[in-house]
PDB file of all heavy atoms in Angstrom:
ATOM      1  N   ASP A   1      60.970 -45.083 127.517  1.00  0.00           N
ATOM      2  CA  ASP A   1      60.763 -44.036 126.517  1.00  0.00           C
ATOM      3  C   ASP A   1      60.640 -42.644 127.133  1.00  0.00           C
ATOM      4  O   ASP A   1      60.389 -41.658 126.434  1.00  0.00           O
ATOM      5  CB  ASP A   1      59.528 -44.338 125.664  1.00  0.00           C
ATOM      6  CG  ASP A   1      58.241 -44.342 126.482  1.00  0.00           C
ATOM      7  OD1 ASP A   1      58.299 -44.126 127.718  1.00  0.00           O
ATOM      8  OD2 ASP A   1      57.171 -44.573 125.887  1.00  0.00           O
ATOM      9  N   GLY A   2      60.821 -42.555 128.459  1.00  0.00           N
ATOM     10  CA  GLY A   2      60.760 -41.265 129.125  1.00  0.00           C
ATOM     11  C   GLY A   2      59.397 -40.908 129.689  1.00  0.00           C
ATOM     12  O   GLY A   2      59.270 -39.966 130.477  1.00  0.00           O
ATOM     13  N   SER A   3      58.352 -41.632 129.288  1.00  0.00           N
ATOM     14  CA  SER A   3      57.024 -41.379 129.834  1.00  0.00           C
ATOM     15  C   SER A   3      56.939 -41.939 131.251  1.00  0.00           C
ATOM     16  O   SER A   3      57.795 -42.721 131.680  1.00  0.00           O
ATOM     17  CB  SER A   3      55.954 -42.024 128.952  1.00  0.00           C
ATOM     18  OG  SER A   3      56.103 -43.441 128.961  1.00  0.00           O
ATOM     19  N   LEU A   4      55.905 -41.534 131.978  1.00  0.00           N
ATOM     20  CA  LEU A   4      55.733 -42.028 133.346  1.00  0.00           C
ATOM     21  C   LEU A   4      54.850 -43.267 133.365  1.00  0.00           C
ATOM     22  O   LEU A   4      53.920 -43.405 132.565  1.00  0.00           O
ATOM     23  CB  LEU A   4      55.117 -40.933 134.219  1.00  0.00           C
ATOM     24  CG  LEU A   4      56.032 -39.752 134.542  1.00  0.00           C
ATOM     25  CD1 LEU A   4      55.258 -38.643 135.231  1.00  0.00           C
ATOM     26  CD2 LEU A   4      57.221 -40.181 135.407  1.00  0.00           C
ATOM     27  N   GLN A   5      55.136 -44.152 134.290  1.00  0.00           N
ATOM     28  CA  GLN A   5      54.373 -45.376 134.439  1.00  0.00           C
ATOM     29  C   GLN A   5      54.239 -45.702 135.911  1.00  0.00           C
ATOM     30  O   GLN A   5      54.901 -45.103 136.758  1.00  0.00           O
ATOM     31  CB  GLN A   5      55.071 -46.527 133.715  1.00  0.00           C
ATOM     32  CG  GLN A   5      56.464 -46.833 134.272  1.00  0.00           C
ATOM     33  CD  GLN A   5      57.162 -47.963 133.539  1.00  0.00           C
ATOM     34  OE1 GLN A   5      56.548 -48.740 132.836  1.00  0.00           O
ATOM     35  NE2 GLN A   5      58.480 -48.054 133.707  1.00  0.00           N
ATOM     36  N   GLY A   6      53.384 -46.660 136.247  1.00  0.00           N
ATOM     37  CA  GLY A   6      53.239 -47.087 137.626  1.00  0.00           C
ATOM     38  C   GLY A   6      51.795 -47.071 138.104  1.00  0.00           C
ATOM     39  O   GLY A   6      50.875 -46.717 137.365  1.00  0.00           O
ATOM     40  N   ILE A   7      51.599 -47.482 139.340  1.00  0.00           N
ATOM     41  CA  ILE A   7      50.261 -47.623 139.914  1.00  0.00           C
ATOM     42  C   ILE A   7      49.503 -46.293 139.901  1.00  0.00           C
ATOM     43  O   ILE A   7      48.343 -46.225 139.458  1.00  0.00           O
ATOM     44  CB  ILE A   7      50.360 -48.169 141.347  1.00  0.00           C
ATOM     45  CG1 ILE A   7      50.879 -49.612 141.331  1.00  0.00           C
ATOM     46  CG2 ILE A   7      48.993 -48.106 142.053  1.00  0.00           C
ATOM     47  CD1 ILE A   7      51.273 -50.142 142.700  1.00  0.00           C
ATOM     48  N   GLU A   8      50.126 -45.237 140.405  1.00  0.00           N
ATOM     49  CA  GLU A   8      49.442 -43.952 140.485  1.00  0.00           C
ATOM     50  C   GLU A   8      49.234 -43.335 139.107  1.00  0.00           C
ATOM     51  O   GLU A   8      48.249 -42.620 138.887  1.00  0.00           O
ATOM     52  CB  GLU A   8      50.197 -43.012 141.419  1.00  0.00           C
ATOM     53  CG  GLU A   8      50.122 -43.473 142.870  1.00  0.00           C
ATOM     54  CD  GLU A   8      50.890 -42.611 143.836  1.00  0.00           C
ATOM     55  OE1 GLU A   8      51.885 -41.983 143.428  1.00  0.00           O
ATOM     56  OE2 GLU A   8      50.511 -42.579 145.016  1.00  0.00           O
ATOM     57  N   VAL A   9      50.112 -43.627 138.180  1.00  0.00           N
ATOM     58  CA  VAL A   9      49.931 -43.165 136.804  1.00  0.00           C
ATOM     59  C   VAL A   9      48.719 -43.868 136.183  1.00  0.00           C
ATOM     60  O   VAL A   9      47.903 -43.246 135.498  1.00  0.00           O
ATOM     61  CB  VAL A   9      51.196 -43.412 135.973  1.00  0.00           C
ATOM     62  CG1 VAL A   9      50.960 -43.051 134.504  1.00  0.00           C
ATOM     63  CG2 VAL A   9      52.360 -42.604 136.531  1.00  0.00           C
ATOM     64  N   ASP A  10      48.582 -45.163 136.448  1.00  0.00           N
ATOM     65  CA  ASP A  10      47.415 -45.899 135.948  1.00  0.00           C
ATOM     66  C   ASP A  10      46.114 -45.348 136.541  1.00  0.00           C
ATOM     67  O   ASP A  10      45.102 -45.242 135.850  1.00  0.00           O
ATOM     68  CB  ASP A  10      47.547 -47.385 136.273  1.00  0.00           C
ATOM     69  CG  ASP A  10      48.575 -48.094 135.404  1.00  0.00           C
ATOM     70  OD1 ASP A  10      48.964 -47.530 134.357  1.00  0.00           O
ATOM     71  OD2 ASP A  10      48.994 -49.208 135.767  1.00  0.00           O
ATOM     72  N   LEU A  11      46.145 -45.000 137.827  1.00  0.00           N
ATOM     73  CA  LEU A  11      44.963 -44.399 138.452  1.00  0.00           C
ATOM     74  C   LEU A  11      44.650 -43.047 137.811  1.00  0.00           C
ATOM     75  O   LEU A  11      43.483 -42.729 137.535  1.00  0.00           O
ATOM     76  CB  LEU A  11      45.188 -44.227 139.954  1.00  0.00           C
ATOM     77  CG  LEU A  11      45.281 -45.505 140.782  1.00  0.00           C
ATOM     78  CD1 LEU A  11      45.596 -45.164 142.240  1.00  0.00           C
ATOM     79  CD2 LEU A  11      43.998 -46.313 140.701  1.00  0.00           C
ATOM     80  N   ALA A  12      45.685 -42.253 137.564  1.00  0.00           N
ATOM     81  CA  ALA A  12      45.502 -40.949 136.932  1.00  0.00           C
ATOM     82  C   ALA A  12      44.909 -41.105 135.531  1.00  0.00           C
ATOM     83  O   ALA A  12      44.008 -40.350 135.132  1.00  0.00           O
ATOM     84  CB  ALA A  12      46.829 -40.204 136.869  1.00  0.00           C
ATOM     85  N   LYS A  13      45.390 -42.078 134.797  1.00  0.00           N
ATOM     86  CA  LYS A  13      44.870 -42.320 133.448  1.00  0.00           C
ATOM     87  C   LYS A  13      43.404 -42.728 133.496  1.00  0.00           C
ATOM     88  O   LYS A  13      42.615 -42.366 132.609  1.00  0.00           O
ATOM     89  CB  LYS A  13      45.696 -43.400 132.750  1.00  0.00           C
ATOM     90  CG  LYS A  13      47.085 -42.937 132.333  1.00  0.00           C
ATOM     91  CD  LYS A  13      47.868 -44.069 131.671  1.00  0.00           C
ATOM     92  CE  LYS A  13      49.238 -43.595 131.198  1.00  0.00           C
ATOM     93  NZ  LYS A  13      50.031 -44.712 130.596  1.00  0.00           N
ATOM     94  N   SER A  14      43.021 -43.479 134.539  1.00  0.00           N
ATOM     95  CA  SER A  14      41.621 -43.886 134.662  1.00  0.00           C
ATOM     96  C   SER A  14      40.711 -42.686 134.904  1.00  0.00           C
ATOM     97  O   SER A  14      39.556 -42.674 134.470  1.00  0.00           O
ATOM     98  CB  SER A  14      41.457 -44.924 135.782  1.00  0.00           C
ATOM     99  OG  SER A  14      41.519 -44.329 137.071  1.00  0.00           O
ATOM    100  N   VAL A  15      41.231 -41.661 135.591  1.00  0.00           N
ATOM    101  CA  VAL A  15      40.464 -40.429 135.810  1.00  0.00           C
ATOM    102  C   VAL A  15      40.241 -39.724 134.476  1.00  0.00           C
ATOM    103  O   VAL A  15      39.114 -39.323 134.143  1.00  0.00           O
ATOM    104  CB  VAL A  15      41.199 -39.496 136.793  1.00  0.00           C
ATOM    105  CG1 VAL A  15      40.487 -38.145 136.881  1.00  0.00           C
ATOM    106  CG2 VAL A  15      41.277 -40.135 138.175  1.00  0.00           C
ATOM    107  N   ALA A  16      41.307 -39.571 133.697  1.00  0.00           N
ATOM    108  CA  ALA A  16      41.202 -38.907 132.400  1.00  0.00           C
ATOM    109  C   ALA A  16      40.264 -39.659 131.468  1.00  0.00           C
ATOM    110  O   ALA A  16      39.443 -39.049 130.760  1.00  0.00           O
ATOM    111  CB  ALA A  16      42.593 -38.782 131.764  1.00  0.00           C
ATOM    112  N   GLU A  17      40.361 -40.986 131.486  1.00  0.00           N
ATOM    113  CA  GLU A  17      39.497 -41.801 130.626  1.00  0.00           C
ATOM    114  C   GLU A  17      38.032 -41.626 131.008  1.00  0.00           C
ATOM    115  O   GLU A  17      37.163 -41.504 130.139  1.00  0.00           O
ATOM    116  CB  GLU A  17      39.909 -43.271 130.735  1.00  0.00           C
ATOM    117  CG  GLU A  17      39.104 -44.189 129.836  1.00  0.00           C
ATOM    118  CD  GLU A  17      39.544 -45.647 129.933  1.00  0.00           C
ATOM    119  OE1 GLU A  17      40.551 -45.916 130.626  1.00  0.00           O
ATOM    120  OE2 GLU A  17      38.872 -46.495 129.337  1.00  0.00           O
ATOM    121  N   ALA A  18      37.746 -41.628 132.309  1.00  0.00           N
ATOM    122  CA  ALA A  18      36.364 -41.457 132.764  1.00  0.00           C
ATOM    123  C   ALA A  18      35.815 -40.085 132.385  1.00  0.00           C
ATOM    124  O   ALA A  18      34.620 -39.934 132.122  1.00  0.00           O
ATOM    125  CB  ALA A  18      36.288 -41.653 134.278  1.00  0.00           C
ATOM    126  N   LEU A  19      36.677 -39.080 132.359  1.00  0.00           N
ATOM    127  CA  LEU A  19      36.270 -37.724 131.993  1.00  0.00           C
ATOM    128  C   LEU A  19      36.178 -37.527 130.483  1.00  0.00           C
ATOM    129  O   LEU A  19      35.543 -36.582 130.012  1.00  0.00           O
ATOM    130  CB  LEU A  19      37.270 -36.709 132.550  1.00  0.00           C
ATOM    131  CG  LEU A  19      37.277 -36.474 134.060  1.00  0.00           C
ATOM    132  CD1 LEU A  19      38.513 -35.687 134.464  1.00  0.00           C
ATOM    133  CD2 LEU A  19      36.015 -35.750 134.497  1.00  0.00           C
ATOM    134  N   GLY A  20      36.843 -38.404 129.738  1.00  0.00           N
ATOM    135  CA  GLY A  20      36.897 -38.242 128.291  1.00  0.00           C
ATOM    136  C   GLY A  20      37.828 -37.132 127.852  1.00  0.00           C
ATOM    137  O   GLY A  20      37.617 -36.484 126.830  1.00  0.00           O
ATOM    138  N   VAL A  21      38.905 -36.909 128.653  1.00  0.00           N
ATOM    139  CA  VAL A  21      39.868 -35.859 128.337  1.00  0.00           C
ATOM    140  C   VAL A  21      41.286 -36.446 128.305  1.00  0.00           C
ATOM    141  O   VAL A  21      41.499 -37.605 128.654  1.00  0.00           O
ATOM    142  CB  VAL A  21      39.814 -34.706 129.360  1.00  0.00           C
ATOM    143  CG1 VAL A  21      38.433 -34.066 129.376  1.00  0.00           C
ATOM    144  CG2 VAL A  21      40.196 -35.193 130.766  1.00  0.00           C
ATOM    145  N   LYS A  22      42.245 -35.629 127.922  1.00  0.00           N
ATOM    146  CA  LYS A  22      43.645 -36.049 127.867  1.00  0.00           C
ATOM    147  C   LYS A  22      44.269 -36.012 129.264  1.00  0.00           C
ATOM    148  O   LYS A  22      43.990 -35.116 130.052  1.00  0.00           O
ATOM    149  CB  LYS A  22      44.419 -35.112 126.941  1.00  0.00           C
ATOM    150  CG  LYS A  22      45.900 -35.422 126.802  1.00  0.00           C
ATOM    151  CD  LYS A  22      46.582 -34.391 125.911  1.00  0.00           C
ATOM    152  CE  LYS A  22      48.090 -34.637 125.834  1.00  0.00           C
ATOM    153  NZ  LYS A  22      48.774 -33.601 125.013  1.00  0.00           N
ATOM    154  N   PHE A  23      45.099 -37.002 129.547  1.00  0.00           N
ATOM    155  CA  PHE A  23      45.845 -37.037 130.811  1.00  0.00           C
ATOM    156  C   PHE A  23      47.117 -36.227 130.644  1.00  0.00           C
ATOM    157  O   PHE A  23      47.934 -36.506 129.774  1.00  0.00           O
ATOM    158  CB  PHE A  23      46.167 -38.483 131.184  1.00  0.00           C
ATOM    159  CG  PHE A  23      47.211 -38.634 132.271  1.00  0.00           C
ATOM    160  CD1 PHE A  23      47.154 -37.887 133.436  1.00  0.00           C
ATOM    161  CD2 PHE A  23      48.253 -39.543 132.120  1.00  0.00           C
ATOM    162  CE1 PHE A  23      48.113 -38.029 134.430  1.00  0.00           C
ATOM    163  CE2 PHE A  23      49.211 -39.704 133.106  1.00  0.00           C
ATOM    164  CZ  PHE A  23      49.147 -38.935 134.256  1.00  0.00           C
ATOM    165  N   GLU A  24      47.282 -35.226 131.495  1.00  0.00           N
ATOM    166  CA  GLU A  24      48.469 -34.379 131.465  1.00  0.00           C
ATOM    167  C   GLU A  24      49.239 -34.554 132.775  1.00  0.00           C
ATOM    168  O   GLU A  24      48.914 -33.935 133.783  1.00  0.00           O
ATOM    169  CB  GLU A  24      48.067 -32.917 131.293  1.00  0.00           C
ATOM    170  CG  GLU A  24      49.231 -31.966 131.081  1.00  0.00           C
ATOM    171  CD  GLU A  24      48.778 -30.531 130.865  1.00  0.00           C
ATOM    172  OE1 GLU A  24      47.631 -30.315 130.404  1.00  0.00           O
ATOM    173  OE2 GLU A  24      49.582 -29.619 131.168  1.00  0.00           O
ATOM    174  N   PRO A  25      50.254 -35.429 132.799  1.00  0.00           N
ATOM    175  CA  PRO A  25      51.003 -35.639 134.042  1.00  0.00           C
ATOM    176  C   PRO A  25      51.886 -34.445 134.379  1.00  0.00           C
ATOM    177  O   PRO A  25      52.499 -33.846 133.499  1.00  0.00           O
ATOM    178  CB  PRO A  25      51.853 -36.876 133.734  1.00  0.00           C
ATOM    179  CG  PRO A  25      52.028 -36.850 132.249  1.00  0.00           C
ATOM    180  CD  PRO A  25      50.777 -36.249 131.682  1.00  0.00           C
ATOM    181  N   VAL A  26      51.928 -34.102 135.637  1.00  0.00           N
ATOM    182  CA  VAL A  26      52.797 -33.028 136.126  1.00  0.00           C
ATOM    183  C   VAL A  26      53.613 -33.601 137.280  1.00  0.00           C
ATOM    184  O   VAL A  26      53.039 -34.075 138.268  1.00  0.00           O
ATOM    185  CB  VAL A  26      51.989 -31.812 136.610  1.00  0.00           C
ATOM    186  CG1 VAL A  26      52.931 -30.725 137.127  1.00  0.00           C
ATOM    187  CG2 VAL A  26      51.098 -31.275 135.496  1.00  0.00           C
ATOM    188  N   VAL A  27      54.928 -33.588 137.153  1.00  0.00           N
ATOM    189  CA  VAL A  27      55.776 -34.144 138.211  1.00  0.00           C
ATOM    190  C   VAL A  27      55.781 -33.215 139.415  1.00  0.00           C
ATOM    191  O   VAL A  27      56.073 -32.014 139.294  1.00  0.00           O
ATOM    192  CB  VAL A  27      57.211 -34.369 137.699  1.00  0.00           C
ATOM    193  CG1 VAL A  27      58.126 -34.821 138.840  1.00  0.00           C
ATOM    194  CG2 VAL A  27      57.212 -35.409 136.585  1.00  0.00           C
ATOM    195  N   ILE A  28      55.441 -33.781 140.563  1.00  0.00           N
ATOM    196  CA  ILE A  28      55.430 -33.021 141.813  1.00  0.00           C
ATOM    197  C   ILE A  28      56.406 -33.677 142.799  1.00  0.00           C
ATOM    198  O   ILE A  28      56.889 -34.782 142.576  1.00  0.00           O
ATOM    199  CB  ILE A  28      54.017 -32.947 142.431  1.00  0.00           C
ATOM    200  CG1 ILE A  28      53.357 -34.346 142.494  1.00  0.00           C
ATOM    201  CG2 ILE A  28      53.137 -32.038 141.605  1.00  0.00           C
ATOM    202  CD1 ILE A  28      53.528 -35.099 143.724  1.00  0.00           C
ATOM    203  N   THR A  29      56.697 -32.991 143.888  1.00  0.00           N
ATOM    204  CA  THR A  29      57.498 -33.555 144.963  1.00  0.00           C
ATOM    205  C   THR A  29      56.704 -33.451 146.257  1.00  0.00           C
ATOM    206  O   THR A  29      55.692 -32.740 146.324  1.00  0.00           O
ATOM    207  CB  THR A  29      58.833 -32.807 145.136  1.00  0.00           C
ATOM    208  OG1 THR A  29      58.563 -31.475 145.607  1.00  0.00           O
ATOM    209  CG2 THR A  29      59.606 -32.744 143.831  1.00  0.00           C
ATOM    210  N   SER A  30      57.169 -34.122 147.291  1.00  0.00           N
ATOM    211  CA  SER A  30      56.507 -34.031 148.587  1.00  0.00           C
ATOM    212  C   SER A  30      56.520 -32.602 149.115  1.00  0.00           C
ATOM    213  O   SER A  30      55.615 -32.188 149.839  1.00  0.00           O
ATOM    214  CB  SER A  30      57.202 -34.959 149.591  1.00  0.00           C
ATOM    215  OG  SER A  30      57.137 -36.295 149.161  1.00  0.00           O
ATOM    216  N   ALA A  31      57.520 -31.826 148.714  1.00  0.00           N
ATOM    217  CA  ALA A  31      57.666 -30.465 149.221  1.00  0.00           C
ATOM    218  C   ALA A  31      56.761 -29.460 148.520  1.00  0.00           C
ATOM    219  O   ALA A  31      56.348 -28.470 149.122  1.00  0.00           O
ATOM    220  CB  ALA A  31      59.122 -30.018 149.088  1.00  0.00           C
ATOM    221  N   ASN A  32      56.435 -29.702 147.235  1.00  0.00           N
ATOM    222  CA  ASN A  32      55.697 -28.662 146.499  1.00  0.00           C
ATOM    223  C   ASN A  32      54.289 -29.049 146.064  1.00  0.00           C
ATOM    224  O   ASN A  32      53.569 -28.228 145.491  1.00  0.00           O
ATOM    225  CB  ASN A  32      56.499 -28.220 145.269  1.00  0.00           C
ATOM    226  CG  ASN A  32      56.583 -29.290 144.178  1.00  0.00           C
ATOM    227  OD1 ASN A  32      55.878 -30.288 144.195  1.00  0.00           O
ATOM    228  ND2 ASN A  32      57.462 -29.067 143.220  1.00  0.00           N
ATOM    229  N   ARG A  33      53.867 -30.286 146.297  1.00  0.00           N
ATOM    230  CA  ARG A  33      52.592 -30.749 145.731  1.00  0.00           C
ATOM    231  C   ARG A  33      51.382 -29.960 146.230  1.00  0.00           C
ATOM    232  O   ARG A  33      50.475 -29.629 145.448  1.00  0.00           O
ATOM    233  CB  ARG A  33      52.406 -32.242 146.011  1.00  0.00           C
ATOM    234  CG  ARG A  33      52.425 -32.629 147.476  1.00  0.00           C
ATOM    235  CD  ARG A  33      52.564 -34.120 147.672  1.00  0.00           C
ATOM    236  NE  ARG A  33      52.788 -34.422 149.077  1.00  0.00           N
ATOM    237  CZ  ARG A  33      53.213 -35.607 149.515  1.00  0.00           C
ATOM    238  NH1 ARG A  33      53.429 -36.597 148.664  1.00  0.00           N
ATOM    239  NH2 ARG A  33      53.403 -35.810 150.802  1.00  0.00           N
ATOM    240  N   ILE A  34      51.337 -29.643 147.524  1.00  0.00           N
ATOM    241  CA  ILE A  34      50.191 -28.910 148.067  1.00  0.00           C
ATOM    242  C   ILE A  34      50.145 -27.494 147.497  1.00  0.00           C
ATOM    243  O   ILE A  34      49.083 -26.997 147.099  1.00  0.00           O
ATOM    244  CB  ILE A  34      50.234 -28.898 149.604  1.00  0.00           C
ATOM    245  CG1 ILE A  34      49.949 -30.311 150.136  1.00  0.00           C
ATOM    246  CG2 ILE A  34      49.240 -27.892 150.173  1.00  0.00           C
ATOM    247  CD1 ILE A  34      50.023 -30.432 151.641  1.00  0.00           C
TER     248      ILE A  34
END
């Protein structure tokens, strides 16, 4: 459906859930993430 999935996405969702906020994924690359 175009959404992101996977191990790190699940970890990210767990952070948002623990905070009680919405998860907003942002696609990064190895070159620009820092």
